[in-house]
Amino acid sequence: MADLVQYYGTGRRKSAIARVFLRPGTGEWKVNGKGFDEYFVTEQQRASAKRSLAIVEMSSSFDVVTTVASGGVAAQADAVKMGVARALIEFNPELRKALKAEGLLTRDARVKERKKYGQKGARKRFQFSKR
């Protein structure tokens, strides 16, 4: 039996986590068992998810199978982008320079700030009254 050749990368953004598998193929995408266009509805989300492959010009040389959990759809698209970039580095370490220059390997650390006690939200306070 022939072994399945695939390259794995994990991407994260906010609370979204993407597990990305790149397999040599024709450029077909599956996200959580659905088609790419069915899962990522807006053009911005699609462009964001495909950006890593577009930069290294390998859009049609890999099939991408992705499992995404948590977060919103936009954060999931960014998580997929990072996961694809990491999987590409596993495939060919020489692509690191091009991907790093575009900022695709940097984890975006911006997350929602927690609500603090004695306050209405993370930053907002209850109204103060002098009298």
C-alpha atoms as a PDB file:
ATOM      1  CA  MET A   1       0.000   0.000   0.000  1.00  0.00           C
ATOM      2  CA  ALA A   2       1.337   3.421  -0.951  1.00  0.00           C
ATOM      3  CA  ASP A   3       1.786   5.916   1.857  1.00  0.00           C
ATOM      4  CA  LEU A   4      -0.246   9.106   1.697  1.00  0.00           C
ATOM      5  CA  VAL A   5       2.074  12.055   1.090  1.00  0.00           C
ATOM      6  CA  GLN A   6       0.888  15.109   2.989  1.00  0.00           C
ATOM      7  CA  TYR A   7       2.315  18.124   4.778  1.00  0.00           C
ATOM      8  CA  TYR A   8       0.760  19.423   7.999  1.00  0.00           C
ATOM      9  CA  GLY A   9       0.560  22.903   9.482  1.00  0.00           C
ATOM     10  CA  THR A  10      -1.370  24.413  12.387  1.00  0.00           C
ATOM     11  CA  GLY A  11      -2.671  27.963  12.147  1.00  0.00           C
ATOM     12  CA  ARG A  12      -4.195  30.094  14.880  1.00  0.00           C
ATOM     13  CA  ARG A  13      -5.935  33.468  14.966  1.00  0.00           C
ATOM     14  CA  LYS A  14      -7.888  34.812  17.960  1.00  0.00           C
ATOM     15  CA  SER A  15      -9.609  31.641  19.217  1.00  0.00           C
ATOM     16  CA  ALA A  16      -9.755  29.927  15.801  1.00  0.00           C
ATOM     17  CA  ILE A  17      -7.548  26.900  15.203  1.00  0.00           C
ATOM     18  CA  ALA A  18      -6.949  25.387  11.773  1.00  0.00           C
ATOM     19  CA  ARG A  19      -5.379  22.011  11.041  1.00  0.00           C
ATOM     20  CA  VAL A  20      -4.171  22.113   7.439  1.00  0.00           C
ATOM     21  CA  PHE A  21      -3.056  19.164   5.313  1.00  0.00           C
ATOM     22  CA  LEU A  22      -1.415  19.819   1.931  1.00  0.00           C
ATOM     23  CA  ARG A  23      -1.510  16.895  -0.475  1.00  0.00           C
ATOM     24  CA  PRO A  24      -0.040  16.904  -3.987  1.00  0.00           C
ATOM     25  CA  GLY A  25      -2.970  17.391  -6.363  1.00  0.00           C
ATOM     26  CA  THR A  26      -4.889  19.803  -8.561  1.00  0.00           C
ATOM     27  CA  GLY A  27      -5.770  22.687  -6.236  1.00  0.00           C
ATOM     28  CA  GLU A  28      -8.990  21.373  -4.675  1.00  0.00           C
ATOM     29  CA  TRP A  29      -9.962  22.760  -1.234  1.00  0.00           C
ATOM     30  CA  LYS A  30     -12.066  21.138   1.483  1.00  0.00           C
ATOM     31  CA  VAL A  31     -12.872  22.978   4.720  1.00  0.00           C
ATOM     32  CA  ASN A  32     -14.631  20.905   7.407  1.00  0.00           C
ATOM     33  CA  GLY A  33     -15.896  18.565   4.679  1.00  0.00           C
ATOM     34  CA  LYS A  34     -17.454  21.400   2.644  1.00  0.00           C
ATOM     35  CA  GLY A  35     -16.301  23.081  -0.529  1.00  0.00           C
ATOM     36  CA  PHE A  36     -14.069  26.139  -0.215  1.00  0.00           C
ATOM     37  CA  ASP A  37     -16.568  28.599  -1.759  1.00  0.00           C
ATOM     38  CA  GLU A  38     -19.376  27.127   0.311  1.00  0.00           C
ATOM     39  CA  TYR A  39     -17.497  27.608   3.612  1.00  0.00           C
ATOM     40  CA  PHE A  40     -15.789  30.980   3.044  1.00  0.00           C
ATOM     41  CA  VAL A  41     -18.598  33.161   1.734  1.00  0.00           C
ATOM     42  CA  THR A  42     -16.963  36.544   1.122  1.00  0.00           C
ATOM     43  CA  GLU A  43     -14.225  37.244  -1.389  1.00  0.00           C
ATOM     44  CA  GLN A  44     -12.049  38.752   1.349  1.00  0.00           C
ATOM     45  CA  GLN A  45     -12.120  35.506   3.352  1.00  0.00           C
ATOM     46  CA  ARG A  46     -11.290  33.444   0.254  1.00  0.00           C
ATOM     47  CA  ALA A  47      -8.392  35.707  -0.705  1.00  0.00           C
ATOM     48  CA  SER A  48      -7.057  35.638   2.853  1.00  0.00           C
ATOM     49  CA  ALA A  49      -7.150  31.835   3.069  1.00  0.00           C
ATOM     50  CA  LYS A  50      -5.466  31.348  -0.326  1.00  0.00           C
ATOM     51  CA  ARG A  51      -2.816  34.041   0.146  1.00  0.00           C
ATOM     52  CA  SER A  52       0.024  31.743   1.255  1.00  0.00           C
ATOM     53  CA  LEU A  53      -0.283  29.525  -1.815  1.00  0.00           C
ATOM     54  CA  ALA A  54      -0.681  32.535  -4.113  1.00  0.00           C
ATOM     55  CA  ILE A  55       2.566  34.137  -2.891  1.00  0.00           C
ATOM     56  CA  VAL A  56       4.670  31.046  -3.626  1.00  0.00           C
ATOM     57  CA  GLU A  57       2.665  30.428  -6.851  1.00  0.00           C
ATOM     58  CA  MET A  58       1.635  26.861  -6.005  1.00  0.00           C
ATOM     59  CA  SER A  59      -2.150  27.281  -6.029  1.00  0.00           C
ATOM     60  CA  SER A  60      -2.787  24.428  -8.449  1.00  0.00           C
ATOM     61  CA  SER A  61      -0.138  21.987  -7.209  1.00  0.00           C
ATOM     62  CA  PHE A  62      -1.718  21.053  -3.848  1.00  0.00           C
ATOM     63  CA  ASP A  63      -5.083  19.824  -2.608  1.00  0.00           C
ATOM     64  CA  VAL A  64      -5.841  21.438   0.742  1.00  0.00           C
ATOM     65  CA  VAL A  65      -7.838  19.600   3.408  1.00  0.00           C
ATOM     66  CA  THR A  66      -8.610  21.714   6.462  1.00  0.00           C
ATOM     67  CA  THR A  67     -10.346  21.251   9.797  1.00  0.00           C
ATOM     68  CA  VAL A  68     -11.234  24.539  11.488  1.00  0.00           C
ATOM     69  CA  ALA A  69     -12.747  25.063  14.928  1.00  0.00           C
ATOM     70  CA  SER A  70     -13.805  28.018  17.114  1.00  0.00           C
ATOM     71  CA  GLY A  71     -13.820  31.711  16.382  1.00  0.00           C
ATOM     72  CA  GLY A  72     -15.557  33.550  13.584  1.00  0.00           C
ATOM     73  CA  VAL A  73     -15.260  32.817   9.886  1.00  0.00           C
ATOM     74  CA  ALA A  74     -12.833  35.706   9.246  1.00  0.00           C
ATOM     75  CA  ALA A  75     -10.497  34.527  12.021  1.00  0.00           C
ATOM     76  CA  GLN A  76     -10.787  30.986  10.663  1.00  0.00           C
ATOM     77  CA  ALA A  77      -9.707  32.205   7.209  1.00  0.00           C
ATOM     78  CA  ASP A  78      -6.620  33.833   8.759  1.00  0.00           C
ATOM     79  CA  ALA A  79      -5.904  30.655  10.728  1.00  0.00           C
ATOM     80  CA  VAL A  80      -6.060  28.636   7.491  1.00  0.00           C
ATOM     81  CA  LYS A  81      -3.656  31.134   5.879  1.00  0.00           C
ATOM     82  CA  MET A  82      -1.092  30.573   8.624  1.00  0.00           C
ATOM     83  CA  GLY A  83      -1.606  26.799   8.593  1.00  0.00           C
ATOM     84  CA  VAL A  84      -0.999  26.636   4.831  1.00  0.00           C
ATOM     85  CA  ALA A  85       2.174  28.719   5.231  1.00  0.00           C
ATOM     86  CA  ARG A  86       3.519  26.376   7.921  1.00  0.00           C
ATOM     87  CA  ALA A  87       2.670  23.312   5.834  1.00  0.00           C
ATOM     88  CA  LEU A  88       4.484  24.839   2.837  1.00  0.00           C
ATOM     89  CA  ILE A  89       7.618  25.252   4.960  1.00  0.00           C
ATOM     90  CA  GLU A  90       7.396  21.590   5.921  1.00  0.00           C
ATOM     91  CA  PHE A  91       7.205  20.808   2.188  1.00  0.00           C
ATOM     92  CA  ASN A  92      10.096  23.089   1.224  1.00  0.00           C
ATOM     93  CA  PRO A  93      12.109  25.012   3.877  1.00  0.00           C
ATOM     94  CA  GLU A  94      13.446  27.387   1.188  1.00  0.00           C
ATOM     95  CA  LEU A  95       9.999  29.021   0.959  1.00  0.00           C
ATOM     96  CA  ARG A  96      10.400  30.371   4.516  1.00  0.00           C
ATOM     97  CA  LYS A  97      12.084  33.597   3.419  1.00  0.00           C
ATOM     98  CA  ALA A  98       9.288  34.565   1.007  1.00  0.00           C
ATOM     99  CA  LEU A  99       6.515  33.671   3.459  1.00  0.00           C
ATOM    100  CA  LYS A 100       8.188  35.419   6.393  1.00  0.00           C
ATOM    101  CA  ALA A 101       8.681  38.599   4.339  1.00  0.00           C
ATOM    102  CA  GLU A 102       4.905  38.698   3.789  1.00  0.00           C
ATOM    103  CA  GLY A 103       4.276  38.191   7.526  1.00  0.00           C
ATOM    104  CA  LEU A 104       2.437  34.884   7.073  1.00  0.00           C
ATOM    105  CA  LEU A 105       4.404  33.008   9.735  1.00  0.00           C
ATOM    106  CA  THR A 106       3.821  35.530  12.511  1.00  0.00           C
ATOM    107  CA  ARG A 107       1.062  34.657  14.962  1.00  0.00           C
ATOM    108  CA  ASP A 108      -1.293  37.624  15.321  1.00  0.00           C
ATOM    109  CA  ALA A 109      -1.448  37.919  19.115  1.00  0.00           C
ATOM    110  CA  ARG A 110      -4.443  40.272  19.229  1.00  0.00           C
ATOM    111  CA  VAL A 111      -7.214  38.595  21.195  1.00  0.00           C
ATOM    112  CA  LYS A 112     -10.275  39.842  23.043  1.00  0.00           C
ATOM    113  CA  GLU A 113      -9.376  41.406  26.377  1.00  0.00           C
ATOM    114  CA  ARG A 114     -11.122  39.950  29.430  1.00  0.00           C
ATOM    115  CA  LYS A 115     -13.786  41.788  31.398  1.00  0.00           C
ATOM    116  CA  LYS A 116     -12.494  43.052  34.743  1.00  0.00           C
ATOM    117  CA  TYR A 117     -14.393  42.929  38.025  1.00  0.00           C
ATOM    118  CA  GLY A 118     -15.967  46.206  39.172  1.00  0.00           C
ATOM    119  CA  GLN A 119     -16.261  47.362  35.563  1.00  0.00           C
ATOM    120  CA  LYS A 120     -18.856  47.097  32.835  1.00  0.00           C
ATOM    121  CA  GLY A 121     -16.441  45.534  30.326  1.00  0.00           C
ATOM    122  CA  ALA A 122     -12.744  45.203  29.546  1.00  0.00           C
ATOM    123  CA  ARG A 123     -12.165  48.971  29.544  1.00  0.00           C
ATOM    124  CA  LYS A 124     -15.577  50.550  30.055  1.00  0.00           C
ATOM    125  CA  ARG A 125     -16.420  51.629  33.597  1.00  0.00           C
ATOM    126  CA  PHE A 126     -19.729  52.078  35.353  1.00  0.00           C
ATOM    127  CA  GLN A 127     -20.880  55.700  35.348  1.00  0.00           C
ATOM    128  CA  PHE A 128     -19.234  57.759  38.104  1.00  0.00           C
ATOM    129  CA  SER A 129     -21.337  60.168  40.124  1.00  0.00           C
ATOM    130  CA  LYS A 130     -19.844  62.798  42.432  1.00  0.00           C
ATOM    131  CA  ARG A 131     -23.137  63.654  44.091  1.00  0.00           C
END
